[in-house]
Protein backbone atom coordinates (compact mmCIF):
# COMPACT_ATOMS: atom_id res chain seq x y z
CA MET A 1 -18.50 -5.10 -26.09
CA SER A 2 -15.23 -6.18 -24.13
CA ALA A 3 -15.98 -3.65 -21.19
CA ARG A 4 -19.87 -5.20 -21.10
CA ARG A 5 -19.03 -8.71 -21.04
CA ARG A 6 -16.11 -8.00 -18.56
CA SER A 7 -18.62 -5.90 -16.60
CA LEU A 8 -21.25 -8.93 -16.25
CA GLY A 9 -18.31 -11.47 -16.37
CA THR A 10 -18.56 -12.39 -12.68
CA VAL A 11 -22.52 -12.90 -12.73
CA LEU A 12 -22.65 -14.73 -16.02
CA GLN A 13 -19.83 -16.76 -14.31
CA ILE A 14 -22.07 -17.87 -11.43
CA GLU A 15 -25.56 -18.03 -13.41
CA LYS A 16 -23.45 -20.68 -15.81
CA SER A 17 -22.07 -22.69 -12.92
CA ILE A 18 -25.30 -23.81 -11.30
CA PRO A 19 -25.91 -27.29 -11.96
CA GLU A 20 -28.95 -27.85 -14.55
CA SER A 21 -30.20 -30.81 -12.15
CA ALA A 22 -30.83 -31.03 -8.24
CA ILE A 23 -31.75 -33.89 -5.63
CA ARG A 24 -35.01 -33.47 -4.29
CA LEU A 25 -36.29 -35.02 -1.43
CA VAL A 26 -39.87 -36.23 -1.41
CA ASP A 27 -41.74 -38.53 0.72
CA GLY A 28 -38.09 -39.16 2.31
CA GLN A 29 -37.15 -40.67 -0.73
CA THR A 30 -34.25 -38.67 -3.16
CA VAL A 31 -35.22 -37.88 -6.54
CA GLN A 32 -32.77 -35.92 -9.40
CA VAL A 33 -34.86 -33.27 -11.16
CA ASP A 34 -34.59 -30.70 -13.48
CA VAL A 35 -33.56 -27.42 -11.50
CA ARG A 36 -36.22 -25.64 -13.47
CA GLU A 37 -38.78 -27.69 -12.41
CA ILE A 38 -38.37 -27.19 -8.56
CA ASP A 39 -41.01 -24.97 -7.43
CA ILE A 40 -40.96 -22.76 -3.94
CA GLY A 41 -41.41 -24.84 -1.08
CA ASP A 42 -39.27 -27.99 -2.51
CA ARG A 43 -36.84 -29.56 0.20
CA ILE A 44 -33.28 -30.12 -1.60
CA VAL A 45 -30.70 -32.19 -0.51
CA VAL A 46 -26.82 -30.96 -0.98
CA GLN A 47 -23.58 -32.91 -0.57
CA PRO A 48 -20.36 -31.40 0.60
CA GLY A 49 -18.33 -30.16 -2.11
CA GLU A 50 -21.54 -29.52 -4.25
CA ILE A 51 -22.39 -26.12 -5.78
CA ILE A 52 -25.91 -25.05 -3.97
CA PRO A 53 -28.61 -25.38 -6.85
CA VAL A 54 -31.13 -23.05 -5.10
CA ASP A 55 -31.85 -20.18 -3.35
CA GLY A 56 -33.32 -21.64 0.35
CA THR A 57 -32.80 -21.74 3.63
CA ILE A 58 -31.28 -24.49 5.74
CA GLU A 59 -33.63 -26.85 7.54
CA THR A 60 -30.89 -29.65 8.66
CA GLY A 61 -27.44 -29.26 8.93
CA GLN A 62 -24.41 -26.76 9.51
CA THR A 63 -21.98 -26.33 7.09
CA THR A 64 -19.71 -23.45 5.87
CA ALA A 65 -20.45 -21.91 1.99
CA ASP A 66 -18.23 -20.40 -0.28
CA GLU A 67 -19.87 -17.08 -1.67
CA SER A 68 -16.96 -15.51 -3.20
CA LEU A 69 -17.92 -15.75 -7.00
CA LEU A 70 -21.30 -13.51 -5.81
CA THR A 71 -19.71 -11.34 -3.40
CA GLY A 72 -16.11 -10.91 -3.63
CA GLU A 73 -15.53 -12.09 0.17
CA GLY A 74 -13.18 -14.75 0.26
CA ARG A 75 -13.53 -16.39 3.94
CA PRO A 76 -15.98 -19.47 3.99
CA VAL A 77 -19.65 -18.28 5.65
CA LEU A 78 -20.87 -20.37 8.68
CA LYS A 79 -24.57 -21.63 7.35
CA ILE A 80 -27.07 -23.13 10.32
CA VAL A 81 -30.47 -24.19 10.60
CA GLY A 82 -32.58 -20.97 9.44
CA SER A 83 -29.59 -19.27 7.15
CA GLN A 84 -30.07 -18.30 3.80
CA VAL A 85 -27.97 -20.23 0.92
CA VAL A 86 -27.92 -18.77 -2.81
CA ALA A 87 -27.63 -20.63 -6.19
CA GLY A 88 -24.22 -20.78 -7.18
CA SER A 89 -22.17 -20.97 -3.98
CA VAL A 90 -20.46 -24.03 -2.88
CA ASN A 91 -21.49 -26.05 0.57
CA LEU A 92 -17.77 -26.97 1.89
CA GLU A 93 -18.40 -29.32 4.82
CA SER A 94 -21.57 -31.42 5.85
CA PRO A 95 -24.76 -32.33 3.53
CA ILE A 96 -27.74 -30.06 4.25
CA HIS A 97 -31.32 -29.97 3.27
CA VAL A 98 -32.76 -26.57 2.06
CA ARG A 99 -36.05 -25.32 1.66
CA VAL A 100 -36.57 -23.57 -1.67
CA VAL A 101 -37.73 -19.94 -1.39
CA ALA A 102 -37.74 -19.01 -4.76
CA SER A 103 -38.14 -20.45 -8.93
CA ALA A 104 -35.06 -20.45 -11.30
CA SER A 105 -36.01 -17.14 -12.48
CA GLY A 106 -36.01 -15.67 -9.13
CA PHE A 107 -32.84 -16.41 -8.05
CA ALA A 108 -31.09 -13.84 -6.32
CA VAL A 109 -27.95 -14.38 -9.07
CA ASN A 110 -30.39 -14.03 -12.16
CA ARG A 111 -31.95 -10.56 -10.52
CA ILE A 112 -28.85 -9.13 -9.95
CA LEU A 113 -28.11 -9.88 -13.49
CA ARG A 114 -30.87 -8.67 -14.85
CA LEU A 115 -30.43 -5.08 -13.01
CA ALA A 116 -27.02 -4.85 -13.89
CA GLU A 117 -28.20 -5.31 -17.97
CA THR A 118 -30.65 -2.57 -17.33
CA ALA A 119 -27.97 -0.05 -15.66
CA GLN A 120 -25.56 -0.63 -18.50
CA ALA A 121 -28.44 -0.29 -21.10
CA GLY A 122 -29.01 3.34 -19.87
CA LYS A 123 -26.69 6.49 -20.24
CA SER A 124 -25.63 8.82 -17.62
CA GLN A 125 -26.20 12.34 -17.90
CA THR A 126 -22.53 12.85 -18.85
CA ALA A 127 -23.23 10.04 -21.85
CA LEU A 128 -26.22 11.77 -23.05
CA MET A 129 -24.10 15.11 -23.04
CA ALA A 130 -21.25 13.54 -25.10
CA ASP A 131 -24.26 12.14 -27.55
CA TRP A 132 -25.59 15.73 -28.21
CA ILE A 133 -21.98 17.18 -28.34
CA ALA A 134 -21.04 14.69 -31.02
CA SER A 135 -24.16 15.44 -33.20
CA TYR A 136 -23.32 18.87 -33.33
CA PHE A 137 -19.51 17.89 -33.79
CA ILE A 138 -19.82 16.09 -36.48
CA THR A 139 -22.24 18.79 -38.43
CA GLY A 140 -19.52 20.72 -37.50
CA VAL A 141 -16.69 18.39 -39.74
CA LEU A 142 -19.27 18.32 -42.16
CA VAL A 143 -19.14 21.95 -42.55
CA LEU A 144 -15.37 22.37 -42.52
CA ALA A 145 -15.02 19.74 -45.13
CA PHE A 146 -17.32 21.16 -47.23
CA VAL A 147 -15.69 24.74 -46.80
CA SER A 148 -11.68 23.36 -47.06
CA GLY A 149 -13.37 21.53 -50.16
CA ALA A 150 -14.54 24.68 -51.97
CA ALA A 151 -11.08 26.88 -51.09
CA TRP A 152 -9.21 23.96 -52.34
CA TRP A 153 -11.14 23.83 -55.44
CA VAL A 154 -10.04 27.33 -56.18
CA ILE A 155 -6.31 27.07 -54.98
CA ASP A 156 -5.66 23.67 -56.66
CA PRO A 157 -8.27 21.97 -58.15
CA ASP A 158 -6.83 18.80 -58.40
CA PHE A 159 -6.19 18.71 -54.38
CA TRP A 160 -9.75 19.34 -53.08
CA LEU A 161 -10.95 15.79 -53.05
CA ALA A 162 -8.03 14.72 -50.85
CA VAL A 163 -8.29 17.55 -48.43
CA VAL A 164 -11.84 16.65 -48.19
CA ILE A 165 -11.08 13.13 -47.45
CA SER A 166 -8.33 14.03 -44.78
CA THR A 167 -10.66 16.53 -43.00
CA LEU A 168 -13.58 13.85 -42.83
CA VAL A 169 -11.74 10.99 -41.56
CA VAL A 170 -9.18 12.67 -39.47
CA ALA A 171 -12.16 13.71 -37.32
CA CYS A 172 -12.42 11.70 -33.93
CA PRO A 173 -15.67 12.15 -32.32
CA CYS A 174 -14.89 8.39 -30.17
CA ALA A 175 -14.16 10.25 -26.94
CA LEU A 176 -17.62 11.70 -26.88
CA SER A 177 -19.56 9.02 -28.23
CA LEU A 178 -17.36 5.71 -26.79
CA ALA A 179 -14.88 6.17 -24.38
CA THR A 180 -17.26 7.94 -21.93
CA PRO A 181 -19.83 5.22 -21.75
CA THR A 182 -16.77 2.46 -21.95
CA ALA A 183 -15.30 4.05 -18.80
CA PHE A 184 -18.53 3.75 -17.08
CA VAL A 185 -19.00 0.30 -18.00
CA ALA A 186 -15.72 -0.61 -17.15
CA ALA A 187 -15.75 0.90 -13.50
CA MET A 188 -19.09 -0.97 -12.98
CA GLY A 189 -17.19 -4.44 -13.93
CA LYS A 190 -14.34 -3.78 -11.54
CA LEU A 191 -17.08 -3.06 -8.50
CA SER A 192 -19.13 -6.16 -9.66
CA ARG A 193 -15.84 -8.25 -9.29
CA GLN A 194 -15.73 -6.93 -5.65
CA GLY A 195 -19.22 -7.71 -4.97
CA ILE A 196 -20.86 -4.60 -5.79
CA VAL A 197 -23.31 -4.23 -8.11
CA THR A 198 -24.91 -0.88 -9.58
CA MET A 199 -28.41 -0.88 -10.45
CA LYS A 200 -28.57 2.73 -11.97
CA SER A 201 -26.28 3.87 -14.74
CA GLU A 202 -26.09 7.54 -12.98
CA PHE A 203 -24.88 5.94 -10.08
CA LEU A 204 -21.06 6.72 -10.43
CA GLU A 205 -21.93 10.00 -12.01
CA ASN A 206 -24.02 10.84 -8.75
CA ILE A 207 -21.41 10.04 -6.42
CA CYS A 208 -19.33 12.20 -6.88
CA MET A 209 -21.13 15.43 -5.75
CA LEU A 210 -22.11 14.12 -2.84
CA ASP A 211 -22.61 16.45 0.37
CA GLN A 212 -24.19 14.32 3.22
CA VAL A 213 -24.39 10.40 4.10
CA VAL A 214 -27.64 9.13 6.14
CA PHE A 215 -26.96 5.96 7.47
CA ASP A 216 -29.46 3.47 9.11
CA LYS A 217 -28.36 1.81 12.26
CA THR A 218 -29.86 -1.88 12.38
CA GLY A 219 -28.26 -3.91 9.87
CA THR A 220 -26.21 -0.89 8.27
CA LEU A 221 -23.94 0.14 10.95
CA THR A 222 -24.90 -2.83 13.15
CA MET A 223 -24.80 -6.36 12.29
CA GLY A 224 -28.70 -6.82 12.65
CA MET A 225 -28.59 -10.21 14.42
CA PHE A 226 -29.78 -9.44 17.52
CA GLU A 227 -30.06 -11.52 20.84
CA LEU A 228 -32.40 -11.45 23.72
CA LYS A 229 -30.28 -10.04 26.89
CA ALA A 230 -33.19 -9.27 29.36
CA MET A 231 -36.76 -9.06 29.91
CA GLU A 232 -39.30 -8.15 32.42
CA VAL A 233 -42.71 -9.55 32.67
CA LEU A 234 -46.11 -7.85 34.24
CA GLU A 235 -47.37 -9.58 37.46
CA GLY A 236 -49.13 -12.68 36.87
CA TRP A 237 -47.88 -13.73 33.53
CA GLY A 238 -44.60 -15.81 33.14
CA GLU A 239 -41.66 -15.52 30.89
CA SER A 240 -42.54 -18.69 29.03
CA GLN A 241 -46.25 -17.08 28.17
CA ALA A 242 -44.36 -13.72 27.62
CA LEU A 243 -42.37 -15.28 25.16
CA SER A 244 -44.27 -17.44 23.30
CA LEU A 245 -46.26 -14.92 22.45
CA ALA A 246 -43.71 -12.68 21.24
CA ALA A 247 -42.64 -15.35 19.02
CA SER A 248 -45.37 -16.07 17.64
CA LEU A 249 -46.29 -12.30 16.54
CA ASN A 250 -42.60 -12.22 14.93
CA GLN A 251 -43.11 -15.74 13.28
CA HIS A 252 -43.60 -14.33 9.59
CA SER A 253 -41.78 -10.99 9.88
CA HIS A 254 -38.11 -10.21 8.46
CA HIS A 255 -37.54 -7.43 11.33
CA PRO A 256 -34.13 -8.44 12.67
CA PHE A 257 -35.80 -8.29 16.40
CA ALA A 258 -37.91 -11.36 15.17
CA LYS A 259 -34.94 -13.89 14.43
CA ALA A 260 -34.27 -12.99 17.91
CA PHE A 261 -37.51 -14.32 19.57
CA ARG A 262 -37.53 -17.21 16.77
CA ASP A 263 -34.17 -18.19 17.87
CA VAL A 264 -35.46 -18.50 21.54
CA ALA A 265 -38.27 -20.53 21.06
CA GLU A 266 -36.15 -22.73 18.52
CA LYS A 267 -34.05 -23.23 21.74
CA ASN A 268 -36.73 -23.55 24.46
CA GLU A 269 -39.13 -26.84 23.82
CA ASP A 270 -41.56 -24.93 26.31
CA LEU A 271 -42.40 -22.20 24.69
CA GLU A 272 -45.78 -22.95 22.65
CA ASP A 273 -46.43 -21.89 18.93
CA LEU A 274 -49.63 -20.19 19.31
CA GLU A 275 -52.56 -19.49 16.81
CA ILE A 276 -52.12 -15.67 16.10
CA GLU A 277 -55.15 -14.24 13.53
CA ASN A 278 -55.25 -10.94 11.83
CA LEU A 279 -51.54 -10.49 11.79
CA THR A 280 -50.45 -6.68 10.63
CA SER A 281 -47.15 -5.34 9.99
CA LYS A 282 -46.55 -1.64 11.25
CA THR A 283 -43.30 -0.76 8.89
CA GLY A 284 -40.92 0.46 11.15
CA SER A 285 -42.83 0.37 14.54
CA GLY A 286 -43.85 -3.39 15.07
CA ILE A 287 -46.89 -6.00 14.28
CA ILE A 288 -50.23 -6.53 15.86
CA GLY A 289 -52.42 -9.47 15.55
CA SER A 290 -55.22 -11.09 17.48
CA TYR A 291 -55.11 -14.01 20.35
CA GLN A 292 -57.98 -15.69 21.57
CA GLY A 293 -60.22 -12.48 20.75
CA GLU A 294 -57.92 -9.76 22.19
CA LYS A 295 -55.25 -7.35 20.52
CA ALA A 296 -51.60 -8.73 20.63
CA ALA A 297 -49.00 -6.07 19.80
CA ILE A 298 -45.36 -6.38 20.14
CA GLY A 299 -43.11 -3.40 18.68
CA SER A 300 -41.94 0.18 19.57
CA ALA A 301 -42.59 2.11 22.57
CA ARG A 302 -44.75 4.72 20.31
CA LEU A 303 -46.88 1.69 19.04
CA ILE A 304 -47.63 0.04 22.29
CA GLY A 305 -48.21 3.25 23.79
CA SER A 306 -50.84 4.16 21.25
CA LEU A 307 -52.51 0.48 21.85
CA VAL A 308 -52.67 0.89 25.92
CA SER A 309 -55.28 3.02 27.66
CA GLY A 310 -53.99 4.85 30.71
CA PRO A 311 -50.47 4.99 32.40
CA ASP A 312 -48.33 1.79 32.16
CA ASN A 313 -45.31 0.77 34.81
CA LEU A 314 -43.42 -1.24 32.13
CA LEU A 315 -43.56 1.42 29.61
CA GLU A 316 -43.18 4.34 31.30
CA LYS A 317 -40.53 3.15 33.73
CA LYS A 318 -37.22 4.89 32.79
CA LEU A 319 -34.19 2.44 31.76
CA GLN A 320 -31.05 2.59 32.32
CA THR A 321 -29.22 0.38 29.07
CA ASP A 322 -27.70 0.96 25.95
CA ASN A 323 -29.75 -2.32 24.56
CA SER A 324 -32.48 -1.74 22.27
CA VAL A 325 -35.92 -2.04 23.97
CA CYS A 326 -39.35 -3.37 22.76
CA TYR A 327 -42.44 -4.24 24.24
CA LEU A 328 -45.26 -6.41 24.29
CA ALA A 329 -49.14 -5.44 24.78
CA TYR A 330 -52.00 -8.32 25.19
CA GLY A 331 -55.45 -6.67 26.34
CA GLY A 332 -54.97 -3.09 26.70
CA GLN A 333 -52.17 -3.66 28.85
CA VAL A 334 -48.18 -3.93 28.37
CA ILE A 335 -47.02 -7.50 29.45
CA ALA A 336 -43.43 -7.37 29.03
CA ARG A 337 -40.34 -5.76 28.04
CA PHE A 338 -37.50 -6.93 25.97
CA GLU A 339 -33.89 -5.90 25.77
CA LEU A 340 -31.78 -6.98 23.15
CA ASP A 341 -28.50 -6.41 21.87
CA ASP A 342 -26.89 -5.71 18.56
CA THR A 343 -23.08 -5.63 17.36
CA LEU A 344 -21.32 -2.88 15.65
CA ARG A 345 -19.85 -3.83 12.28
CA GLU A 346 -16.27 -4.14 12.82
CA ASP A 347 -15.27 -1.45 9.72
CA ALA A 348 -17.91 0.53 11.22
CA ARG A 349 -15.63 3.06 12.59
CA GLY A 350 -13.15 3.69 10.04
CA VAL A 351 -15.50 4.10 7.01
CA VAL A 352 -16.90 6.98 9.61
CA GLN A 353 -13.71 8.43 10.08
CA GLU A 354 -12.74 8.07 6.35
CA LEU A 355 -16.03 9.50 5.00
CA GLU A 356 -15.61 12.69 7.69
CA ASN A 357 -11.91 13.34 5.91
CA ARG A 358 -13.64 13.56 3.17
CA GLY A 359 -15.65 16.29 4.03
CA LEU A 360 -18.73 14.58 4.26
CA ASP A 361 -21.31 15.64 6.66
CA LEU A 362 -22.64 12.18 8.70
CA ILE A 363 -26.10 11.41 9.86
CA MET A 364 -27.62 8.52 11.69
CA LEU A 365 -31.67 8.14 11.31
CA SER A 366 -32.74 4.99 13.51
CA GLY A 367 -36.15 3.82 14.96
CA ASP A 368 -34.76 2.40 17.51
CA SER A 369 -34.20 4.03 20.97
CA LYS A 370 -32.60 6.72 22.11
CA ASP A 371 -30.05 5.06 24.40
CA ALA A 372 -29.35 2.02 21.25
CA VAL A 373 -28.85 4.65 18.94
CA GLU A 374 -26.83 6.79 21.31
CA ARG A 375 -24.14 4.01 22.14
CA VAL A 376 -23.29 3.26 18.37
CA ALA A 377 -23.45 7.12 17.61
CA GLN A 378 -20.59 7.47 20.10
CA ASP A 379 -18.60 3.65 18.75
CA THR A 380 -18.84 5.15 15.42
CA GLY A 381 -18.16 9.11 15.93
CA ILE A 382 -21.50 10.06 14.28
CA ASP A 383 -22.22 13.45 16.10
CA ASP A 384 -25.33 14.09 14.41
CA TYR A 385 -28.15 11.11 14.89
CA HIS A 386 -31.77 10.80 15.49
CA ALA A 387 -33.78 8.10 17.29
CA GLU A 388 -37.48 6.93 17.40
CA MET A 389 -38.69 7.90 13.94
CA SER A 390 -40.92 6.40 11.52
CA PRO A 391 -39.98 5.81 7.80
CA SER A 392 -42.02 8.65 7.14
CA GLU A 393 -40.26 11.00 9.25
CA LYS A 394 -36.94 9.38 7.55
CA LEU A 395 -38.18 10.23 4.33
CA GLU A 396 -39.13 13.84 5.37
CA PHE A 397 -35.99 14.15 6.86
CA VAL A 398 -33.97 13.35 3.63
CA ARG A 399 -36.53 15.53 1.87
CA GLN A 400 -36.00 18.36 3.93
CA ARG A 401 -32.11 18.17 3.29
CA ILE A 402 -32.40 17.78 -0.85
CA ASP A 403 -34.50 20.85 -0.78
CA SER A 404 -32.56 22.59 0.91
CA GLY A 405 -29.51 22.21 -1.88
CA LYS A 406 -27.90 18.92 -0.10
CA ARG A 407 -26.63 16.23 -2.40
CA VAL A 408 -27.94 12.90 0.00
CA MET A 409 -26.33 9.31 -0.06
CA VAL A 410 -28.51 6.89 1.90
CA VAL A 411 -26.86 3.50 2.95
CA GLY A 412 -29.60 1.04 4.55
CA ASP A 413 -31.03 -2.37 4.71
CA GLY A 414 -34.87 -2.32 5.71
CA ILE A 415 -37.81 -2.49 4.10
CA ASN A 416 -38.55 1.33 6.25
CA ASP A 417 -35.32 2.61 4.38
CA ALA A 418 -36.93 2.15 1.23
CA PRO A 419 -38.89 5.33 0.88
CA MET A 420 -35.48 7.52 1.36
CA SER A 421 -33.60 5.29 -0.44
CA ALA A 422 -36.02 5.93 -3.45
CA LEU A 423 -35.82 9.97 -3.02
CA ALA A 424 -31.83 10.01 -2.16
CA SER A 425 -29.57 11.51 -4.36
CA VAL A 426 -27.64 8.26 -3.99
CA SER A 427 -28.75 5.27 -2.51
CA ILE A 428 -26.62 1.99 -1.65
CA ALA A 429 -28.27 -1.05 0.07
CA MET A 430 -26.30 -3.64 2.21
CA GLY A 431 -25.99 -7.34 1.22
CA GLU A 432 -29.11 -8.53 3.14
CA ALA A 433 -31.69 -6.13 2.23
CA SER A 434 -35.10 -6.35 1.29
CA ASP A 435 -35.96 -6.63 -2.15
CA LEU A 436 -38.00 -3.15 -1.74
CA THR A 437 -34.81 -1.32 -0.79
CA ARG A 438 -32.53 -2.96 -3.50
CA LEU A 439 -35.19 -2.54 -5.99
CA HIS A 440 -35.11 1.57 -4.99
CA SER A 441 -31.35 1.68 -4.51
CA ASP A 442 -28.31 2.71 -6.94
CA ALA A 443 -26.15 -0.23 -5.84
CA VAL A 444 -25.98 -3.48 -3.37
CA LEU A 445 -22.85 -4.37 -1.36
CA LEU A 446 -23.49 -7.98 -1.85
CA ASN A 447 -20.63 -8.75 0.93
CA GLY A 448 -22.26 -6.41 3.57
CA ARG A 449 -18.36 -4.79 3.84
CA LEU A 450 -19.17 -0.92 4.53
CA THR A 451 -15.82 -0.50 3.48
CA GLU A 452 -16.89 -1.03 -0.17
CA ILE A 453 -18.46 1.91 -0.05
CA LEU A 454 -15.09 4.07 0.20
CA GLU A 455 -14.12 1.58 -2.80
CA VAL A 456 -17.00 3.07 -4.63
CA ILE A 457 -16.49 6.34 -4.04
CA GLU A 458 -12.86 6.32 -5.15
CA VAL A 459 -13.79 3.94 -8.44
CA ALA A 460 -16.32 6.97 -9.30
CA TRP A 461 -13.84 9.55 -8.50
CA ARG A 462 -11.15 7.56 -10.83
CA THR A 463 -14.12 7.52 -13.48
CA ARG A 464 -14.80 11.15 -13.59
CA ARG A 465 -10.82 11.69 -14.07
CA THR A 466 -10.36 9.12 -16.76
CA ILE A 467 -13.15 10.93 -18.61
CA ARG A 468 -12.35 14.47 -18.27
CA GLN A 469 -8.78 12.79 -19.80
CA ASN A 470 -10.61 11.62 -22.75
CA MET A 471 -12.64 14.87 -23.29
CA SER A 472 -9.19 17.06 -22.88
CA TRP A 473 -7.34 14.64 -25.31
CA ALA A 474 -10.25 14.43 -27.65
CA LEU A 475 -10.30 18.32 -27.55
CA GLY A 476 -6.62 18.53 -27.95
CA TYR A 477 -6.65 16.18 -31.12
CA ASN A 478 -9.30 17.53 -33.16
CA LEU A 479 -8.18 21.15 -32.25
CA MET A 480 -4.87 20.35 -33.61
CA ALA A 481 -5.55 17.86 -36.96
CA ILE A 482 -8.73 18.98 -38.10
CA PRO A 483 -7.07 22.25 -38.80
CA CYS A 484 -3.90 20.55 -40.46
CA ALA A 485 -6.29 18.41 -42.86
CA MET A 486 -7.75 21.46 -44.13
CA PHE A 487 -4.58 23.18 -44.82
CA GLY A 488 -3.21 20.35 -46.88
CA LEU A 489 -0.47 19.01 -44.21
CA ILE A 490 -2.16 15.49 -43.33
CA PRO A 491 -2.85 13.11 -46.71
CA PRO A 492 -5.66 10.75 -46.48
CA TRP A 493 -3.59 7.81 -45.31
CA LEU A 494 -1.85 9.18 -42.29
CA ALA A 495 -5.44 10.92 -41.55
CA ALA A 496 -6.79 7.20 -41.30
CA ILE A 497 -3.82 6.46 -38.90
CA GLY A 498 -4.30 9.60 -36.79
CA MET A 499 -8.29 9.08 -36.08
CA SER A 500 -7.61 5.33 -35.25
CA ALA A 501 -4.73 5.97 -32.67
CA SER A 502 -7.00 8.29 -31.01
CA SER A 503 -9.98 6.34 -30.62
CA LEU A 504 -7.37 3.27 -29.45
CA ILE A 505 -5.80 5.97 -26.98
CA VAL A 506 -9.38 7.02 -25.45
CA SER A 507 -11.00 3.62 -25.45
CA GLY A 508 -7.71 2.01 -23.54
CA ASN A 509 -7.69 4.91 -21.10
CA ALA A 510 -11.17 4.23 -20.34
CA LEU A 511 -10.79 0.69 -19.80
CA ARG A 512 -7.65 0.86 -17.96
CA MET A 513 -10.96 1.69 -14.95
CA GLY A 514 -11.82 -2.51 -14.92
CA GLN A 515 -7.99 -2.84 -14.08
CA SER A 516 -6.57 -0.27 -11.80
CA GLN A 517 -5.54 -1.54 -8.28
CA SER A 518 -7.91 -0.95 -5.19
CA ARG A 519 -7.41 2.07 -2.53
CA ARG A 520 -6.37 0.75 0.92
CA GLN A 521 -8.88 0.08 2.68
CA PRO A 522 -8.87 1.50 6.89
CA GLU A 523 -8.28 -1.48 9.02
CA ALA A 524 -11.46 -2.67 10.77
CA GLY A 525 -11.81 -0.46 14.04
CA SER A 526 -8.89 2.26 12.86
């Protein structure tokens, strides 16, 4: 119970810190309401120094937020218009207006708490095996107690009861049925305090058996914060026309490309908000819709190529760029080509080198263009990389590796990563990952730092060592104590002390997992 409480302590602390009331903005007037009465779409006012009471998006104002309780990240995080804020974080600098995106039961902290509780309630294969062994162990102890009692009834009838009691009491199955799950829970608590939430009980067990790590590119090895760097439009089209259509198609998309176009639209008053009908998202490829009776689409060369009849100069033009590229089509022809740039995470190369030093094979799978993927591969040092892959192709790639006997871990963040995350032996989602990807992942890095992957692996190995220590102690103790009790060398009072001491030793050793120091993380760019 102590380990469980500490494991959930951080999340419970955030849940308790969320204010019971909030200031709602209605027709320009502020009204104080109960947080449970707030609906999706409401606008909330949060003053500097106040705890943000809802999950939402900033509509007005710019500030910094302290999200350390949730993510483990001690540095304030810059929040501008359009940024996501979470309940339980602290507004540090300026007043902001927040548009609510989830009801109280759907707050991120509540979803995380439910997932963490589910993980604790489950049992790993090691814990299940320990329970199975413990059941036979107890049966064996009962048989040995009966045999020793019967023997002493013949040898010395006055001594048989003390021998039976000592044999029953001195036996200690705690390392099997108690200390093993306690080690897992304590380890999960340690990770939780660092902003790493485990979703499945077998996660730490499986991560010790990895052969390969598959990385997504955008939002995983890179920041996923794209910026429009260049564009080329078809003759007869203006840049404002093409950007208006591109931004309108991406208005409701969650793809990292989409935010880049929306940012351009917000900064450029000349762009129009066009009415797009029949919007359809093609996961990992792009978006298709209708504008003024003609089909419009934005996305990868593969998607746009399937919508264009005949050769197209913009689509077939050989590019000399390391940037990510997407295309805009309208009325059966490509009308614009966009180049977008992303930034590599500062800790990506150090993490890749450390994982390679551990003997793991590293692979990068991406739906992005070949040149953009090759640049990130060179910057991080990953030799095995694959570009322009659809979600189904990623899934098939991982399936082939698993079928060949490999234990594969997937690290990703997008909706298109969810299928391969669900199939992988182990999967980790970045903090900004879609809800679908989080649902299919074994753990989530709330702070978005890749270096936490190394901490997860280190904790998993320490947990395994702790469990083996407990098993070895239990085996040695019982092999020594039970025969001594059967031969009458241990009186009942000493048997009680021995059993209690053994239980405390293995449980205390397991609880050390939650208090051990973190390993030294590689420095950024090392």
